[in-house]
Amino acid sequence: RRRRVKKEELARIERYLRKTFDNPKLEVRARPKKTDSAEVYLGEDFIAVLFREEEDGEVSYQFQMAILEMDLEEA
């Protein structure tokens, strides 16, 4: 079940992602029209959507990142 992502959660998730990926340029931003998810940016580039899931009182976050084939060609 999806629930609202709170501002404090966004900050905690951002700290976690920055530490995990060793990258201070990662940002987690609230979505303008959605409250159950957030957007993840690397600098000014959008890279993923983050969904808050709650089931049986346990909270988890789903990180969904699409990788385009054309982006792989540049790597």
N, C-alpha and C. Protein backbone atom coordinates (compact mmCIF):
# COMPACT_ATOMS: atom_id res chain seq x y z
N ARG A 1 0.84 -1.18 0.00
CA ARG A 1 0.00 0.00 0.00
C ARG A 1 0.89 1.24 0.00
N ARG A 2 0.53 2.20 -0.83
CA ARG A 2 1.34 3.42 -0.92
C ARG A 2 0.74 4.51 -0.05
N ARG A 3 1.62 5.22 0.62
CA ARG A 3 1.23 6.33 1.49
C ARG A 3 2.10 7.54 1.18
N ARG A 4 1.71 8.66 1.74
CA ARG A 4 2.42 9.92 1.54
C ARG A 4 3.88 9.81 2.01
N VAL A 5 4.78 10.37 1.22
CA VAL A 5 6.19 10.45 1.60
C VAL A 5 6.39 11.80 2.29
N LYS A 6 6.83 11.76 3.53
CA LYS A 6 6.99 12.99 4.31
C LYS A 6 8.34 13.64 4.03
N LYS A 7 8.41 14.94 4.28
CA LYS A 7 9.62 15.72 4.04
C LYS A 7 10.82 15.14 4.80
N GLU A 8 10.60 14.71 6.05
CA GLU A 8 11.69 14.14 6.86
C GLU A 8 12.21 12.84 6.23
N GLU A 9 11.29 12.07 5.66
CA GLU A 9 11.68 10.82 5.00
C GLU A 9 12.56 11.11 3.79
N LEU A 10 12.19 12.13 3.03
CA LEU A 10 12.98 12.49 1.84
C LEU A 10 14.42 12.81 2.23
N ALA A 11 14.59 13.56 3.30
CA ALA A 11 15.93 13.92 3.76
C ALA A 11 16.72 12.68 4.21
N ARG A 12 16.07 11.76 4.93
CA ARG A 12 16.73 10.54 5.38
C ARG A 12 17.14 9.66 4.20
N ILE A 13 16.23 9.54 3.23
CA ILE A 13 16.51 8.73 2.05
C ILE A 13 17.65 9.35 1.25
N GLU A 14 17.63 10.67 1.12
CA GLU A 14 18.70 11.35 0.39
C GLU A 14 20.06 11.09 1.04
N ARG A 15 20.13 11.19 2.36
CA ARG A 15 21.39 10.90 3.07
C ARG A 15 21.83 9.46 2.81
N TYR A 16 20.88 8.53 2.87
CA TYR A 16 21.18 7.12 2.63
C TYR A 16 21.73 6.90 1.22
N LEU A 17 21.06 7.47 0.22
CA LEU A 17 21.50 7.27 -1.17
C LEU A 17 22.86 7.90 -1.40
N ARG A 18 23.09 9.09 -0.85
CA ARG A 18 24.39 9.76 -1.02
C ARG A 18 25.51 8.90 -0.42
N LYS A 19 25.25 8.33 0.75
CA LYS A 19 26.26 7.48 1.40
C LYS A 19 26.44 6.18 0.64
N THR A 20 25.34 5.54 0.26
CA THR A 20 25.39 4.24 -0.42
C THR A 20 26.12 4.33 -1.75
N PHE A 21 25.82 5.38 -2.53
CA PHE A 21 26.42 5.54 -3.85
C PHE A 21 27.65 6.46 -3.82
N ASP A 22 28.04 6.89 -2.63
CA ASP A 22 29.20 7.76 -2.44
C ASP A 22 29.16 8.94 -3.41
N ASN A 23 27.99 9.62 -3.43
CA ASN A 23 27.81 10.73 -4.36
C ASN A 23 26.96 11.83 -3.72
N PRO A 24 27.60 12.95 -3.35
CA PRO A 24 26.87 14.05 -2.72
C PRO A 24 25.94 14.81 -3.66
N LYS A 25 26.00 14.50 -4.96
CA LYS A 25 25.15 15.21 -5.93
C LYS A 25 23.76 14.60 -6.06
N LEU A 26 23.52 13.46 -5.42
CA LEU A 26 22.19 12.85 -5.47
C LEU A 26 21.21 13.68 -4.66
N GLU A 27 20.03 13.91 -5.22
CA GLU A 27 18.97 14.65 -4.55
C GLU A 27 17.66 13.89 -4.64
N VAL A 28 16.91 13.90 -3.56
CA VAL A 28 15.57 13.32 -3.55
C VAL A 28 14.59 14.48 -3.41
N ARG A 29 13.71 14.60 -4.39
CA ARG A 29 12.77 15.73 -4.43
C ARG A 29 11.34 15.23 -4.42
N ALA A 30 10.48 15.97 -3.73
CA ALA A 30 9.04 15.67 -3.76
C ALA A 30 8.54 15.87 -5.18
N ARG A 31 7.56 15.07 -5.55
CA ARG A 31 6.94 15.22 -6.88
C ARG A 31 5.83 16.25 -6.78
N PRO A 32 5.70 17.09 -7.78
CA PRO A 32 4.71 18.17 -7.71
C PRO A 32 3.26 17.70 -7.60
N LYS A 33 2.90 16.62 -8.28
CA LYS A 33 1.49 16.21 -8.31
C LYS A 33 1.24 14.85 -7.66
N LYS A 34 2.28 14.21 -7.16
CA LYS A 34 2.14 12.89 -6.52
C LYS A 34 2.67 12.99 -5.10
N THR A 35 1.99 12.34 -4.17
CA THR A 35 2.45 12.38 -2.78
C THR A 35 2.99 11.05 -2.29
N ASP A 36 2.80 9.98 -3.08
CA ASP A 36 3.23 8.65 -2.65
C ASP A 36 4.60 8.28 -3.18
N SER A 37 5.27 9.25 -3.81
CA SER A 37 6.56 8.95 -4.41
C SER A 37 7.39 10.22 -4.49
N ALA A 38 8.64 10.05 -4.84
CA ALA A 38 9.58 11.17 -4.98
C ALA A 38 10.43 10.92 -6.22
N GLU A 39 11.16 11.94 -6.63
CA GLU A 39 12.05 11.82 -7.78
C GLU A 39 13.49 11.89 -7.30
N VAL A 40 14.36 11.14 -7.96
CA VAL A 40 15.78 11.14 -7.62
C VAL A 40 16.54 11.77 -8.78
N TYR A 41 17.40 12.71 -8.43
CA TYR A 41 18.20 13.43 -9.43
C TYR A 41 19.68 13.25 -9.12
N LEU A 42 20.46 13.26 -10.17
CA LEU A 42 21.92 13.32 -10.07
C LEU A 42 22.29 14.66 -10.69
N GLY A 43 22.59 15.63 -9.84
CA GLY A 43 22.73 16.99 -10.33
C GLY A 43 21.36 17.46 -10.81
N GLU A 44 21.27 17.87 -12.06
CA GLU A 44 19.99 18.30 -12.62
C GLU A 44 19.33 17.21 -13.46
N ASP A 45 19.97 16.04 -13.55
CA ASP A 45 19.44 14.95 -14.37
C ASP A 45 18.54 14.03 -13.54
N PHE A 46 17.30 13.87 -13.99
CA PHE A 46 16.36 12.94 -13.37
C PHE A 46 16.85 11.52 -13.65
N ILE A 47 16.94 10.68 -12.59
CA ILE A 47 17.43 9.32 -12.81
C ILE A 47 16.48 8.23 -12.32
N ALA A 48 15.56 8.55 -11.39
CA ALA A 48 14.73 7.47 -10.85
C ALA A 48 13.51 8.02 -10.13
N VAL A 49 12.57 7.12 -9.88
CA VAL A 49 11.40 7.41 -9.05
C VAL A 49 11.51 6.52 -7.82
N LEU A 50 11.14 7.07 -6.69
CA LEU A 50 11.21 6.36 -5.43
C LEU A 50 9.79 6.28 -4.86
N PHE A 51 9.30 5.06 -4.63
CA PHE A 51 7.95 4.85 -4.09
C PHE A 51 8.04 4.39 -2.64
N ARG A 52 7.15 4.91 -1.81
CA ARG A 52 7.05 4.48 -0.42
C ARG A 52 5.98 3.39 -0.35
N GLU A 53 6.34 2.24 0.20
CA GLU A 53 5.42 1.11 0.34
C GLU A 53 5.24 0.81 1.83
N GLU A 54 4.01 0.50 2.20
CA GLU A 54 3.75 0.09 3.59
C GLU A 54 2.84 -1.12 3.57
N GLU A 55 3.32 -2.18 4.23
CA GLU A 55 2.54 -3.41 4.31
C GLU A 55 2.75 -4.04 5.67
N ASP A 56 1.67 -4.38 6.32
CA ASP A 56 1.71 -4.99 7.65
C ASP A 56 2.54 -4.17 8.64
N GLY A 57 2.44 -2.84 8.53
CA GLY A 57 3.15 -1.95 9.44
C GLY A 57 4.62 -1.75 9.12
N GLU A 58 5.13 -2.41 8.08
CA GLU A 58 6.53 -2.25 7.69
C GLU A 58 6.64 -1.33 6.49
N VAL A 59 7.59 -0.42 6.53
CA VAL A 59 7.78 0.55 5.46
C VAL A 59 9.02 0.18 4.66
N SER A 60 8.90 0.26 3.33
CA SER A 60 10.06 0.07 2.46
C SER A 60 9.96 1.10 1.34
N TYR A 61 11.05 1.26 0.62
CA TYR A 61 11.10 2.22 -0.47
C TYR A 61 11.58 1.50 -1.72
N GLN A 62 10.85 1.67 -2.79
CA GLN A 62 11.19 1.03 -4.07
C GLN A 62 11.85 2.06 -4.97
N PHE A 63 13.08 1.78 -5.40
CA PHE A 63 13.85 2.66 -6.26
C PHE A 63 13.73 2.12 -7.68
N GLN A 64 13.10 2.88 -8.58
CA GLN A 64 12.90 2.42 -9.96
C GLN A 64 13.64 3.34 -10.92
N MET A 65 14.59 2.74 -11.62
CA MET A 65 15.43 3.49 -12.55
C MET A 65 15.39 2.82 -13.92
N ALA A 66 15.04 3.59 -14.92
CA ALA A 66 15.04 3.08 -16.29
C ALA A 66 16.38 3.41 -16.93
N ILE A 67 16.92 2.47 -17.69
CA ILE A 67 18.17 2.68 -18.42
C ILE A 67 17.85 2.51 -19.90
N LEU A 68 18.02 3.58 -20.63
CA LEU A 68 17.73 3.55 -22.07
C LEU A 68 18.89 2.93 -22.83
N GLU A 69 18.58 2.19 -23.86
CA GLU A 69 19.62 1.55 -24.66
C GLU A 69 20.59 2.58 -25.23
N MET A 70 20.08 3.74 -25.64
CA MET A 70 20.96 4.77 -26.21
C MET A 70 21.96 5.29 -25.17
N ASP A 71 21.59 5.26 -23.90
CA ASP A 71 22.52 5.66 -22.85
C ASP A 71 23.67 4.66 -22.69
N LEU A 72 23.37 3.38 -22.95
CA LEU A 72 24.41 2.35 -22.86
C LEU A 72 25.44 2.51 -23.97
N GLU A 73 25.00 2.98 -25.11
CA GLU A 73 25.92 3.18 -26.24
C GLU A 73 26.94 4.25 -25.96
N GLU A 74 26.58 5.22 -25.10
CA GLU A 74 27.49 6.32 -24.76
C GLU A 74 28.50 5.91 -23.71
N ALA A 75 28.24 4.81 -23.00
CA ALA A 75 29.10 4.39 -21.89
C ALA A 75 30.34 3.69 -22.38
